[in-house]
């Protein structure tokens, strides 16, 4: 998902998306440790998605603080 698409979402939606991505990352980590992971590139995509979501959430929080 692109950053521009994430910026259009509400904070609640971003939180849900973050939780879902963290669960997906956990599943990939467990698969990797047991040797069942076949799509190593998916781990990288999920990590970047989590970072993107966290960055946008921080941007939203900082703009809300500035506007007060």
N, C-alpha and C. Protein backbone atom coordinates (compact mmCIF):
# COMPACT_ATOMS: atom_id res chain seq x y z
N UNK A 1 0.84 -1.16 0.00
CA UNK A 1 0.00 0.00 0.00
C UNK A 1 0.89 1.24 0.00
N UNK A 2 0.54 2.21 -0.81
CA UNK A 2 1.35 3.42 -0.94
C UNK A 2 1.09 4.37 0.22
N UNK A 3 2.05 5.23 0.46
CA UNK A 3 1.94 6.20 1.55
C UNK A 3 0.78 7.15 1.32
N UNK A 4 0.53 7.52 0.07
CA UNK A 4 -0.58 8.44 -0.22
C UNK A 4 -1.92 7.80 0.13
N UNK A 5 -2.03 6.50 -0.06
CA UNK A 5 -3.26 5.79 0.30
C UNK A 5 -3.40 5.72 1.82
N UNK A 6 -2.29 5.54 2.52
CA UNK A 6 -2.33 5.45 3.97
C UNK A 6 -2.66 6.81 4.60
N UNK A 7 -2.20 7.89 3.99
CA UNK A 7 -2.48 9.22 4.53
C UNK A 7 -3.96 9.57 4.50
N UNK A 8 -4.70 8.93 3.64
CA UNK A 8 -6.13 9.19 3.51
C UNK A 8 -6.95 8.46 4.58
N UNK A 9 -6.33 7.54 5.27
CA UNK A 9 -7.03 6.74 6.28
C UNK A 9 -7.04 7.47 7.62
N UNK A 10 -7.99 7.10 8.45
CA UNK A 10 -8.06 7.67 9.79
C UNK A 10 -7.06 6.98 10.70
N UNK A 11 -6.88 7.54 11.88
CA UNK A 11 -5.94 6.98 12.84
C UNK A 11 -6.37 5.58 13.27
N UNK A 12 -7.67 5.39 13.43
CA UNK A 12 -8.18 4.06 13.81
C UNK A 12 -7.89 3.03 12.74
N UNK A 13 -8.09 3.41 11.49
CA UNK A 13 -7.82 2.48 10.39
C UNK A 13 -6.33 2.15 10.32
N UNK A 14 -5.50 3.16 10.56
CA UNK A 14 -4.06 2.92 10.54
C UNK A 14 -3.64 2.00 11.67
N UNK A 15 -4.27 2.15 12.82
CA UNK A 15 -3.96 1.27 13.94
C UNK A 15 -4.33 -0.17 13.63
N UNK A 16 -5.48 -0.35 13.01
CA UNK A 16 -5.90 -1.71 12.62
C UNK A 16 -4.96 -2.30 11.59
N UNK A 17 -4.56 -1.47 10.63
CA UNK A 17 -3.65 -1.92 9.58
C UNK A 17 -2.29 -2.29 10.18
N UNK A 18 -1.84 -1.51 11.16
CA UNK A 18 -0.57 -1.78 11.82
C UNK A 18 -0.64 -3.10 12.58
N UNK A 19 -1.70 -3.32 13.31
CA UNK A 19 -1.86 -4.56 14.07
C UNK A 19 -1.88 -5.77 13.13
N UNK A 20 -2.58 -5.64 12.03
CA UNK A 20 -2.66 -6.72 11.05
C UNK A 20 -1.27 -7.01 10.46
N UNK A 21 -0.52 -5.97 10.16
CA UNK A 21 0.81 -6.15 9.60
C UNK A 21 1.77 -6.77 10.61
N UNK A 22 1.65 -6.38 11.87
CA UNK A 22 2.50 -6.98 12.91
C UNK A 22 2.20 -8.46 13.08
N UNK A 23 0.93 -8.83 12.99
CA UNK A 23 0.57 -10.25 13.06
C UNK A 23 1.15 -11.01 11.88
N UNK A 24 1.08 -10.39 10.71
CA UNK A 24 1.62 -11.02 9.50
C UNK A 24 3.14 -11.18 9.63
N UNK A 25 3.81 -10.19 10.18
CA UNK A 25 5.25 -10.27 10.40
C UNK A 25 5.59 -11.40 11.36
N UNK A 26 4.79 -11.57 12.40
CA UNK A 26 5.02 -12.63 13.38
C UNK A 26 4.92 -14.00 12.70
N UNK A 27 3.90 -14.16 11.86
CA UNK A 27 3.72 -15.43 11.16
C UNK A 27 4.94 -15.72 10.27
N UNK A 28 5.41 -14.70 9.56
CA UNK A 28 6.58 -14.88 8.71
C UNK A 28 7.83 -15.23 9.53
N UNK A 29 7.98 -14.61 10.70
CA UNK A 29 9.12 -14.92 11.56
C UNK A 29 9.07 -16.36 12.04
N UNK A 30 7.89 -16.84 12.39
CA UNK A 30 7.76 -18.22 12.85
C UNK A 30 8.03 -19.20 11.70
N UNK A 31 7.57 -18.85 10.51
CA UNK A 31 7.84 -19.70 9.35
C UNK A 31 9.33 -19.74 9.05
N UNK A 32 9.99 -18.60 9.17
CA UNK A 32 11.43 -18.55 8.90
C UNK A 32 12.20 -19.40 9.90
N UNK A 33 11.81 -19.32 11.17
CA UNK A 33 12.54 -20.08 12.19
C UNK A 33 12.34 -21.58 12.05
N UNK A 34 11.19 -21.98 11.51
CA UNK A 34 10.94 -23.41 11.35
C UNK A 34 11.35 -23.91 9.96
N UNK A 35 11.86 -23.00 9.13
CA UNK A 35 12.32 -23.40 7.81
C UNK A 35 11.23 -23.55 6.78
N UNK A 36 10.04 -23.04 7.04
CA UNK A 36 8.92 -23.18 6.12
C UNK A 36 8.72 -21.97 5.23
N UNK A 37 9.46 -20.89 5.45
CA UNK A 37 9.27 -19.66 4.68
C UNK A 37 9.83 -19.84 3.28
N UNK A 38 8.99 -19.63 2.29
CA UNK A 38 9.43 -19.76 0.90
C UNK A 38 9.53 -18.41 0.21
N UNK A 39 8.78 -17.43 0.68
CA UNK A 39 8.78 -16.10 0.05
C UNK A 39 9.49 -15.11 0.98
N UNK A 40 10.80 -15.07 0.91
CA UNK A 40 11.59 -14.23 1.79
C UNK A 40 11.34 -12.74 1.51
N UNK A 41 10.96 -12.41 0.30
CA UNK A 41 10.74 -11.01 -0.05
C UNK A 41 9.50 -10.45 0.65
N UNK A 42 8.59 -11.31 1.06
CA UNK A 42 7.38 -10.85 1.74
C UNK A 42 7.71 -10.25 3.11
N UNK A 43 8.71 -10.80 3.77
CA UNK A 43 9.12 -10.25 5.07
C UNK A 43 9.58 -8.81 4.91
N UNK A 44 10.33 -8.56 3.89
CA UNK A 44 10.83 -7.20 3.63
C UNK A 44 9.67 -6.25 3.35
N UNK A 45 8.71 -6.70 2.57
CA UNK A 45 7.56 -5.87 2.24
C UNK A 45 6.75 -5.52 3.48
N UNK A 46 6.57 -6.50 4.36
CA UNK A 46 5.79 -6.28 5.58
C UNK A 46 6.53 -5.32 6.51
N UNK A 47 7.85 -5.49 6.64
CA UNK A 47 8.64 -4.59 7.48
C UNK A 47 8.54 -3.15 7.00
N UNK A 48 8.62 -2.97 5.70
CA UNK A 48 8.53 -1.63 5.13
C UNK A 48 7.13 -1.04 5.29
N UNK A 49 6.12 -1.89 5.18
CA UNK A 49 4.75 -1.43 5.37
C UNK A 49 4.54 -0.96 6.81
N UNK A 50 5.08 -1.71 7.77
CA UNK A 50 4.98 -1.32 9.17
C UNK A 50 5.67 0.01 9.40
N UNK A 51 6.84 0.18 8.86
CA UNK A 51 7.58 1.43 9.01
C UNK A 51 6.81 2.59 8.38
N UNK A 52 6.23 2.36 7.23
CA UNK A 52 5.45 3.39 6.54
C UNK A 52 4.25 3.82 7.38
N UNK A 53 3.55 2.86 7.95
CA UNK A 53 2.38 3.16 8.77
C UNK A 53 2.79 3.93 10.01
N UNK A 54 3.86 3.50 10.68
CA UNK A 54 4.31 4.19 11.88
C UNK A 54 4.75 5.62 11.57
N UNK A 55 5.41 5.81 10.45
CA UNK A 55 5.85 7.15 10.05
C UNK A 55 4.66 8.07 9.84
N UNK A 56 3.65 7.58 9.16
CA UNK A 56 2.46 8.40 8.88
C UNK A 56 1.70 8.69 10.17
N UNK A 57 1.64 7.72 11.07
CA UNK A 57 0.97 7.95 12.35
C UNK A 57 1.71 9.02 13.15
N UNK A 58 3.05 8.99 13.13
CA UNK A 58 3.84 10.02 13.82
C UNK A 58 3.65 11.39 13.18
N UNK A 59 3.56 11.43 11.85
CA UNK A 59 3.31 12.69 11.17
C UNK A 59 1.96 13.27 11.57
N UNK A 60 0.96 12.40 11.64
CA UNK A 60 -0.38 12.86 12.03
C UNK A 60 -0.37 13.39 13.46
N UNK A 61 0.34 12.70 14.33
CA UNK A 61 0.40 13.11 15.72
C UNK A 61 1.12 14.45 15.86
N UNK A 62 2.20 14.62 15.14
CA UNK A 62 2.96 15.88 15.25
C UNK A 62 2.19 17.04 14.66
N UNK A 63 1.45 16.84 13.58
CA UNK A 63 0.65 17.92 13.01
C UNK A 63 -0.52 18.27 13.93
N UNK A 64 -1.04 17.29 14.63
CA UNK A 64 -2.12 17.57 15.58
C UNK A 64 -1.61 18.38 16.76
N UNK A 65 -0.39 18.12 17.19
CA UNK A 65 0.20 18.85 18.31
C UNK A 65 0.52 20.28 17.91
N UNK A 66 0.97 20.47 16.69
CA UNK A 66 1.33 21.80 16.20
C UNK A 66 0.08 22.66 16.04
N UNK A 67 -1.00 22.06 15.62
CA UNK A 67 -2.23 22.83 15.37
C UNK A 67 -2.94 23.23 16.66
N UNK A 68 -2.52 22.68 17.79
CA UNK A 68 -3.16 23.05 19.07
C UNK A 68 -2.74 24.41 19.55
